[in-house]
Amino acid sequence: MEFLVDDVDADHERIQAVIPSVTVVQRPTTMPWGNRSLLLRDPDGNLVNLFTPPAAGRRVPETP
C-alpha cells in the first residue's frame, strides 16, 4: 500500500510517538527519483509506503 503524505519526516515522528512498536523497514529516505519515502509494516505484515514527492523546483541529487 502507498499513501501520499505532506511530510514523511513529521509523520514518522508522529507514528513512532503513538505506536512505538511499529516495524520500520526503511527510515525516511530520499529516493533517486526525488520522493521522500518511509516504509513500515502494518500489524498483518503488509508493507506500507508513506511518500512525499519532491517540492516544485527541488533538484534531485545525482548519483556519482
C-alpha atoms as a PDB file:
ATOM      1  CA  MET A   1       0.000   0.000   0.000  1.00  0.00           C
ATOM      2  CA  GLU A   2       1.167   3.535  -0.698  1.00  0.00           C
ATOM      3  CA  PHE A   3      -0.038   6.784   0.802  1.00  0.00           C
ATOM      4  CA  LEU A   4       0.828  10.280  -0.366  1.00  0.00           C
ATOM      5  CA  VAL A   5       1.536  12.465   2.698  1.00  0.00           C
ATOM      6  CA  ASP A   6       2.537  16.098   3.181  1.00  0.00           C
ATOM      7  CA  ASP A   7       5.640  15.451   5.292  1.00  0.00           C
ATOM      8  CA  VAL A   8       7.136  11.960   5.632  1.00  0.00           C
ATOM      9  CA  ASP A   9       9.559  13.015   8.381  1.00  0.00           C
ATOM     10  CA  ALA A  10       6.830  14.568  10.541  1.00  0.00           C
ATOM     11  CA  ASP A  11       4.589  11.530  10.041  1.00  0.00           C
ATOM     12  CA  HIS A  12       7.460   9.217  11.012  1.00  0.00           C
ATOM     13  CA  GLU A  13       7.926  11.077  14.306  1.00  0.00           C
ATOM     14  CA  ARG A  14       4.176  11.130  14.963  1.00  0.00           C
ATOM     15  CA  ILE A  15       3.757   7.405  14.253  1.00  0.00           C
ATOM     16  CA  GLN A  16       6.739   6.479  16.464  1.00  0.00           C
ATOM     17  CA  ALA A  17       5.255   8.554  19.324  1.00  0.00           C
ATOM     18  CA  VAL A  18       1.805   6.959  19.019  1.00  0.00           C
ATOM     19  CA  ILE A  19       2.847   3.392  18.098  1.00  0.00           C
ATOM     20  CA  PRO A  20       6.379   2.830  19.444  1.00  0.00           C
ATOM     21  CA  SER A  21       6.300  -0.852  18.439  1.00  0.00           C
ATOM     22  CA  VAL A  22       5.702  -0.110  14.728  1.00  0.00           C
ATOM     23  CA  THR A  23       8.054  -2.041  12.443  1.00  0.00           C
ATOM     24  CA  VAL A  24      10.075   0.444  10.401  1.00  0.00           C
ATOM     25  CA  VAL A  25      11.544  -1.243   7.323  1.00  0.00           C
ATOM     26  CA  GLN A  26      13.213   1.910   5.995  1.00  0.00           C
ATOM     27  CA  ARG A  27      13.546   5.211   7.837  1.00  0.00           C
ATOM     28  CA  PRO A  28      12.667   8.349   5.825  1.00  0.00           C
ATOM     29  CA  THR A  29      14.914   8.321   2.773  1.00  0.00           C
ATOM     30  CA  THR A  30      15.126  10.430  -0.377  1.00  0.00           C
ATOM     31  CA  MET A  31      14.790   8.078  -3.314  1.00  0.00           C
ATOM     32  CA  PRO A  32      16.834   8.603  -6.530  1.00  0.00           C
ATOM     33  CA  TRP A  33      13.695   9.887  -8.334  1.00  0.00           C
ATOM     34  CA  GLY A  34      13.122  12.518  -5.629  1.00  0.00           C
ATOM     35  CA  ASN A  35      10.349  11.100  -3.449  1.00  0.00           C
ATOM     36  CA  ARG A  36      10.919  11.085   0.284  1.00  0.00           C
ATOM     37  CA  SER A  37       9.776   7.642   1.451  1.00  0.00           C
ATOM     38  CA  LEU A  38       9.115   5.775   4.708  1.00  0.00           C
ATOM     39  CA  LEU A  39       8.467   2.010   4.659  1.00  0.00           C
ATOM     40  CA  LEU A  40       6.554   0.371   7.512  1.00  0.00           C
ATOM     41  CA  ARG A  41       4.849  -2.959   8.202  1.00  0.00           C
ATOM     42  CA  ASP A  42       1.243  -2.988   9.362  1.00  0.00           C
ATOM     43  CA  PRO A  43       0.136  -5.441  12.091  1.00  0.00           C
ATOM     44  CA  ASP A  44      -0.597  -8.090   9.408  1.00  0.00           C
ATOM     45  CA  GLY A  45       2.911  -7.731   7.947  1.00  0.00           C
ATOM     46  CA  ASN A  46       1.894  -5.794   4.831  1.00  0.00           C
ATOM     47  CA  LEU A  47       4.396  -3.258   3.528  1.00  0.00           C
ATOM     48  CA  VAL A  48       3.180   0.350   3.742  1.00  0.00           C
ATOM     49  CA  ASN A  49       4.941   3.171   1.886  1.00  0.00           C
ATOM     50  CA  LEU A  50       4.351   6.747   3.001  1.00  0.00           C
ATOM     51  CA  PHE A  51       5.806   9.153   0.466  1.00  0.00           C
ATOM     52  CA  THR A  52       6.134  12.823  -0.349  1.00  0.00           C
ATOM     53  CA  PRO A  53       7.030  13.866  -3.896  1.00  0.00           C
ATOM     54  CA  PRO A  54       9.776  16.436  -4.400  1.00  0.00           C
ATOM     55  CA  ALA A  55       8.765  20.067  -3.994  1.00  0.00           C
ATOM     56  CA  ALA A  56       8.446  22.031  -7.218  1.00  0.00           C
ATOM     57  CA  GLY A  57      11.843  23.108  -8.410  1.00  0.00           C
ATOM     58  CA  ARG A  58      13.728  20.922  -5.934  1.00  0.00           C
ATOM     59  CA  ARG A  59      16.707  19.332  -7.558  1.00  0.00           C
ATOM     60  CA  VAL A  60      17.124  15.584  -7.173  1.00  0.00           C
ATOM     61  CA  PRO A  61      20.700  14.669  -6.190  1.00  0.00           C
ATOM     62  CA  GLU A  62      22.601  12.930  -8.954  1.00  0.00           C
ATOM     63  CA  THR A  63      24.312   9.624  -8.363  1.00  0.00           C
ATOM     64  CA  PRO A  64      28.099   9.842  -8.836  1.00  0.00           C
END
